[in-house]
N, C-alpha and C. Protein backbone atom coordinates (compact mmCIF):
# COMPACT_ATOMS: atom_id res chain seq x y z
N UNK A 1 70.37 115.90 133.52
CA UNK A 1 71.81 115.69 133.49
C UNK A 1 72.22 114.76 132.35
N UNK A 2 71.44 113.70 132.12
CA UNK A 2 71.75 112.75 131.07
C UNK A 2 71.77 113.45 129.71
N UNK A 3 70.88 114.43 129.52
CA UNK A 3 70.82 115.16 128.25
C UNK A 3 72.08 115.97 128.01
N UNK A 4 72.66 116.55 129.06
CA UNK A 4 73.89 117.33 128.91
C UNK A 4 75.05 116.43 128.50
N UNK A 5 75.13 115.24 129.09
CA UNK A 5 76.20 114.31 128.75
C UNK A 5 76.07 113.87 127.30
N UNK A 6 74.85 113.55 126.85
CA UNK A 6 74.64 113.15 125.47
C UNK A 6 74.92 114.29 124.50
N UNK A 7 74.51 115.50 124.85
CA UNK A 7 74.78 116.65 124.00
C UNK A 7 76.28 116.89 123.88
N UNK A 8 77.00 116.77 125.00
CA UNK A 8 78.45 116.95 124.98
C UNK A 8 79.12 115.89 124.12
N UNK A 9 78.66 114.66 124.21
CA UNK A 9 79.22 113.58 123.39
C UNK A 9 78.96 113.84 121.91
N UNK A 10 77.78 114.35 121.58
CA UNK A 10 77.45 114.65 120.19
C UNK A 10 78.34 115.76 119.65
N UNK A 11 78.58 116.79 120.45
CA UNK A 11 79.46 117.88 120.02
C UNK A 11 80.87 117.36 119.78
N UNK A 12 81.38 116.53 120.67
CA UNK A 12 82.73 115.97 120.48
C UNK A 12 82.80 115.11 119.24
N UNK A 13 81.76 114.34 118.98
CA UNK A 13 81.76 113.47 117.81
C UNK A 13 81.77 114.30 116.52
N UNK A 14 81.08 115.42 116.53
CA UNK A 14 81.02 116.26 115.34
C UNK A 14 82.23 117.16 115.19
N UNK A 15 82.94 117.44 116.27
CA UNK A 15 84.03 118.40 116.20
C UNK A 15 85.27 117.85 115.50
N UNK A 16 85.48 116.53 115.49
CA UNK A 16 86.66 115.96 114.86
C UNK A 16 86.79 116.31 113.40
N UNK A 17 85.82 115.96 112.56
CA UNK A 17 85.94 116.29 111.15
C UNK A 17 86.00 117.79 110.88
N UNK A 18 85.27 118.57 111.63
CA UNK A 18 85.28 120.02 111.42
C UNK A 18 86.64 120.60 111.77
N UNK A 19 87.28 120.04 112.80
CA UNK A 19 88.58 120.53 113.22
C UNK A 19 89.63 120.31 112.15
N UNK A 20 89.54 119.20 111.43
CA UNK A 20 90.54 118.87 110.43
C UNK A 20 90.60 119.93 109.34
N UNK A 21 89.46 120.44 108.88
CA UNK A 21 89.42 121.51 107.89
C UNK A 21 90.48 121.38 106.83
N UNK A 22 91.42 122.32 106.73
CA UNK A 22 92.48 122.31 105.75
C UNK A 22 93.56 121.28 106.01
N UNK A 23 93.42 120.51 107.09
CA UNK A 23 94.39 119.48 107.43
C UNK A 23 93.90 118.08 107.08
N UNK A 24 92.82 117.99 106.32
CA UNK A 24 92.27 116.69 105.94
C UNK A 24 93.31 115.80 105.29
N UNK A 25 94.25 116.39 104.58
CA UNK A 25 95.28 115.62 103.88
C UNK A 25 96.31 115.03 104.84
N UNK A 26 96.42 115.54 106.04
CA UNK A 26 97.41 115.03 107.00
C UNK A 26 96.82 114.04 107.99
N UNK A 27 95.57 114.24 108.37
CA UNK A 27 94.93 113.37 109.36
C UNK A 27 94.85 111.95 108.80
N UNK A 28 95.36 111.00 109.59
CA UNK A 28 95.36 109.60 109.16
C UNK A 28 96.61 109.19 108.40
N UNK A 29 97.53 110.12 108.19
CA UNK A 29 98.78 109.83 107.49
C UNK A 29 99.97 110.23 108.37
N UNK A 30 101.12 109.75 108.01
CA UNK A 30 102.36 110.20 108.62
C UNK A 30 102.85 111.41 107.85
N UNK A 31 103.23 112.46 108.57
CA UNK A 31 103.79 113.65 107.94
C UNK A 31 105.27 113.69 108.30
N UNK A 32 106.13 113.60 107.28
CA UNK A 32 107.58 113.61 107.50
C UNK A 32 108.11 115.01 107.26
N UNK A 33 108.81 115.53 108.27
CA UNK A 33 109.39 116.87 108.21
C UNK A 33 110.91 116.73 108.16
N UNK A 34 111.53 117.35 107.16
CA UNK A 34 112.97 117.24 107.00
C UNK A 34 113.57 118.64 106.92
N UNK A 35 114.61 118.85 107.74
CA UNK A 35 115.36 120.11 107.74
C UNK A 35 116.83 119.73 107.66
N UNK A 36 117.41 119.92 106.50
CA UNK A 36 118.81 119.52 106.31
C UNK A 36 118.96 118.02 106.48
N UNK A 37 119.84 117.61 107.40
CA UNK A 37 120.09 116.19 107.67
C UNK A 37 119.11 115.60 108.68
N UNK A 38 118.35 116.43 109.36
CA UNK A 38 117.44 115.98 110.41
C UNK A 38 116.02 115.81 109.89
N UNK A 39 115.32 114.81 110.41
CA UNK A 39 113.92 114.64 110.05
C UNK A 39 113.19 113.97 111.21
N UNK A 40 111.87 114.14 111.22
CA UNK A 40 111.02 113.46 112.18
C UNK A 40 109.66 113.24 111.54
N UNK A 41 108.91 112.29 112.10
CA UNK A 41 107.56 112.01 111.64
C UNK A 41 106.57 112.59 112.63
N UNK A 42 105.47 113.12 112.11
CA UNK A 42 104.43 113.72 112.95
C UNK A 42 103.08 113.13 112.59
N UNK A 43 102.18 113.10 113.59
CA UNK A 43 100.84 112.57 113.40
C UNK A 43 99.83 113.57 113.93
N UNK A 44 98.89 113.94 113.06
CA UNK A 44 97.82 114.87 113.38
C UNK A 44 96.53 114.08 113.45
N UNK A 45 95.90 114.06 114.60
CA UNK A 45 94.68 113.29 114.80
C UNK A 45 93.46 114.19 114.66
N UNK A 46 92.35 113.62 114.19
CA UNK A 46 91.13 114.39 113.93
C UNK A 46 90.60 115.10 115.17
N UNK A 47 90.93 114.60 116.36
CA UNK A 47 90.45 115.23 117.59
C UNK A 47 91.32 116.40 118.04
N UNK A 48 92.34 116.77 117.23
CA UNK A 48 93.21 117.88 117.58
C UNK A 48 94.47 117.48 118.33
N UNK A 49 94.66 116.17 118.55
CA UNK A 49 95.87 115.70 119.23
C UNK A 49 97.04 115.64 118.24
N UNK A 50 98.23 115.87 118.75
CA UNK A 50 99.46 115.86 117.96
C UNK A 50 100.49 115.00 118.68
N UNK A 51 101.27 114.23 117.91
CA UNK A 51 102.42 113.52 118.47
C UNK A 51 103.46 113.39 117.37
N UNK A 52 104.73 113.17 117.77
CA UNK A 52 105.76 112.99 116.76
C UNK A 52 106.82 112.00 117.23
N UNK A 53 107.69 111.61 116.32
CA UNK A 53 108.71 110.60 116.59
C UNK A 53 109.82 111.10 117.51
N UNK A 54 109.81 112.40 117.83
CA UNK A 54 110.79 112.95 118.78
C UNK A 54 110.31 112.78 120.22
N UNK A 55 109.09 112.25 120.38
CA UNK A 55 108.53 112.05 121.72
C UNK A 55 107.70 113.23 122.21
N UNK A 56 107.47 114.22 121.36
CA UNK A 56 106.67 115.37 121.74
C UNK A 56 105.19 115.09 121.48
N UNK A 57 104.34 115.64 122.32
CA UNK A 57 102.90 115.49 122.11
C UNK A 57 102.21 116.76 122.57
N UNK A 58 101.01 116.94 122.07
CA UNK A 58 100.24 118.13 122.42
C UNK A 58 99.01 118.23 121.55
N UNK A 59 98.81 119.40 120.96
CA UNK A 59 97.62 119.64 120.16
C UNK A 59 97.96 120.48 118.94
N UNK A 60 97.03 120.51 117.99
CA UNK A 60 97.19 121.32 116.81
C UNK A 60 95.88 121.99 116.48
N UNK A 61 95.98 123.10 115.74
CA UNK A 61 94.80 123.79 115.23
C UNK A 61 95.15 124.37 113.87
N UNK A 62 94.13 124.60 113.05
CA UNK A 62 94.37 125.16 111.72
C UNK A 62 93.31 126.21 111.44
N UNK A 63 93.78 127.45 111.23
CA UNK A 63 92.92 128.56 110.85
C UNK A 63 93.80 129.51 110.04
N UNK A 64 93.87 129.30 108.75
CA UNK A 64 94.73 130.03 107.83
C UNK A 64 96.20 129.63 107.95
N UNK A 65 96.63 129.15 109.10
CA UNK A 65 97.95 128.58 109.27
C UNK A 65 97.87 127.47 110.31
N UNK A 66 98.85 126.58 110.28
CA UNK A 66 98.90 125.46 111.22
C UNK A 66 99.63 125.90 112.48
N UNK A 67 99.04 125.64 113.63
CA UNK A 67 99.70 125.90 114.91
C UNK A 67 99.77 124.60 115.69
N UNK A 68 100.96 124.30 116.19
CA UNK A 68 101.20 123.09 116.98
C UNK A 68 101.69 123.53 118.35
N UNK A 69 101.04 123.03 119.41
CA UNK A 69 101.45 123.31 120.78
C UNK A 69 101.89 122.00 121.40
N UNK A 70 103.13 121.96 121.91
CA UNK A 70 103.67 120.76 122.54
C UNK A 70 104.10 121.07 123.96
N UNK A 71 104.10 120.04 124.78
CA UNK A 71 104.56 120.17 126.16
C UNK A 71 106.06 119.89 126.20
N UNK A 72 106.81 120.80 126.82
CA UNK A 72 108.25 120.63 126.98
C UNK A 72 108.60 120.81 128.45
N UNK A 73 109.85 120.58 128.79
CA UNK A 73 110.30 120.78 130.18
C UNK A 73 110.15 122.23 130.59
N UNK A 74 110.22 123.14 129.64
CA UNK A 74 110.08 124.57 129.93
C UNK A 74 108.62 125.02 129.93
N UNK A 75 107.70 124.12 129.63
CA UNK A 75 106.29 124.44 129.56
C UNK A 75 105.79 124.33 128.13
N UNK A 76 104.53 124.71 127.88
CA UNK A 76 103.98 124.60 126.54
C UNK A 76 104.67 125.55 125.56
N UNK A 77 104.92 125.05 124.35
CA UNK A 77 105.51 125.88 123.31
C UNK A 77 104.66 125.75 122.05
N UNK A 78 104.31 126.88 121.46
CA UNK A 78 103.49 126.90 120.26
C UNK A 78 104.30 127.42 119.08
N UNK A 79 104.19 126.71 117.96
CA UNK A 79 104.80 127.12 116.70
C UNK A 79 103.72 127.16 115.65
N UNK A 80 103.73 128.20 114.83
CA UNK A 80 102.74 128.35 113.76
C UNK A 80 103.45 128.60 112.44
N UNK A 81 102.86 128.10 111.37
CA UNK A 81 103.43 128.31 110.05
C UNK A 81 102.47 127.86 108.98
N UNK A 82 102.90 127.97 107.73
CA UNK A 82 102.02 127.62 106.62
C UNK A 82 101.80 126.12 106.50
N UNK A 83 100.67 125.78 105.90
CA UNK A 83 100.35 124.39 105.57
C UNK A 83 99.83 124.36 104.15
N UNK A 84 100.13 123.30 103.42
CA UNK A 84 99.67 123.13 102.04
C UNK A 84 98.47 122.18 102.04
N UNK A 85 97.24 122.70 102.01
CA UNK A 85 96.06 121.84 102.04
C UNK A 85 95.85 121.04 100.76
N UNK A 86 96.60 121.36 99.70
CA UNK A 86 96.46 120.65 98.42
C UNK A 86 97.42 119.49 98.27
N UNK A 87 98.30 119.28 99.25
CA UNK A 87 99.30 118.22 99.20
C UNK A 87 98.61 116.87 99.35
N UNK A 88 98.95 115.93 98.48
CA UNK A 88 98.37 114.57 98.52
C UNK A 88 99.39 113.60 99.09
N UNK A 89 98.90 112.45 99.53
CA UNK A 89 99.79 111.40 100.05
C UNK A 89 100.83 111.05 98.99
N UNK A 90 102.08 110.99 99.40
CA UNK A 90 103.19 110.71 98.49
C UNK A 90 103.86 111.96 97.94
N UNK A 91 103.24 113.11 98.14
CA UNK A 91 103.82 114.37 97.64
C UNK A 91 104.55 115.10 98.75
N UNK A 92 105.40 116.05 98.35
CA UNK A 92 106.12 116.88 99.32
C UNK A 92 106.20 118.30 98.80
N UNK A 93 106.50 119.23 99.69
CA UNK A 93 106.70 120.63 99.33
C UNK A 93 107.67 121.24 100.31
N UNK A 94 108.30 122.33 99.92
CA UNK A 94 109.26 123.02 100.78
C UNK A 94 108.72 124.39 101.14
N UNK A 95 109.06 124.83 102.35
CA UNK A 95 108.64 126.15 102.82
C UNK A 95 109.70 126.71 103.77
N UNK A 96 109.79 128.02 103.80
CA UNK A 96 110.66 128.70 104.77
C UNK A 96 109.82 129.34 105.87
N UNK A 97 108.52 129.14 105.83
CA UNK A 97 107.60 129.79 106.75
C UNK A 97 107.66 129.33 108.19
N UNK A 98 108.40 128.27 108.50
CA UNK A 98 108.49 127.77 109.87
C UNK A 98 109.78 128.16 110.56
N UNK A 99 110.72 128.78 109.85
CA UNK A 99 112.01 129.09 110.46
C UNK A 99 112.18 130.59 110.66
N UNK A 100 112.92 130.94 111.69
CA UNK A 100 113.22 132.34 111.95
C UNK A 100 114.38 132.84 111.09
N UNK A 101 115.23 131.91 110.64
CA UNK A 101 116.41 132.30 109.87
C UNK A 101 116.24 132.11 108.36
N UNK A 102 115.04 131.73 107.91
CA UNK A 102 114.80 131.59 106.49
C UNK A 102 115.20 130.26 105.90
N UNK A 103 115.61 129.31 106.75
CA UNK A 103 115.99 128.00 106.21
C UNK A 103 114.73 127.22 105.85
N UNK A 104 114.86 126.39 104.84
CA UNK A 104 113.72 125.64 104.31
C UNK A 104 113.56 124.30 105.02
N UNK A 105 112.31 123.86 105.10
CA UNK A 105 112.00 122.50 105.53
C UNK A 105 111.20 121.87 104.40
N UNK A 106 111.26 120.55 104.33
CA UNK A 106 110.46 119.80 103.37
C UNK A 106 109.42 119.02 104.17
N UNK A 107 108.18 119.09 103.72
CA UNK A 107 107.07 118.39 104.35
C UNK A 107 106.55 117.38 103.35
N UNK A 108 106.47 116.11 103.77
CA UNK A 108 105.99 115.05 102.91
C UNK A 108 104.87 114.31 103.61
N UNK A 109 103.79 114.04 102.90
CA UNK A 109 102.73 113.22 103.46
C UNK A 109 102.97 111.79 102.99
N UNK A 110 103.20 110.90 103.95
CA UNK A 110 103.49 109.50 103.66
C UNK A 110 102.17 108.73 103.77
N UNK A 111 101.79 108.02 102.74
CA UNK A 111 100.55 107.25 102.78
C UNK A 111 100.63 106.20 103.87
N UNK A 112 99.57 106.09 104.65
CA UNK A 112 99.54 105.10 105.75
C UNK A 112 98.59 103.98 105.42
């Protein structure tokens, strides 16, 4: 039994960096998302946890696109869209890939 617990701990320890993959540029930094006049800050943790300044929390995954699942009063909600793995701290980029109506958002990685 002790071996299973240690093996499980080793897998969890190794899964954090592997999970980050194309999100290495966001993990450990604040990600500011701006849509028009509205903005919020988001945090992506190496263990797959997600939280933001709107009070939402949940998880994230990255496999060709970023997917964020948050808990809401209506239940879990998942949103997926593009991510720029080449973005560095202090840089920003705009995309329409997260909206249904084609409106753009700006994503900025704020150095922490």
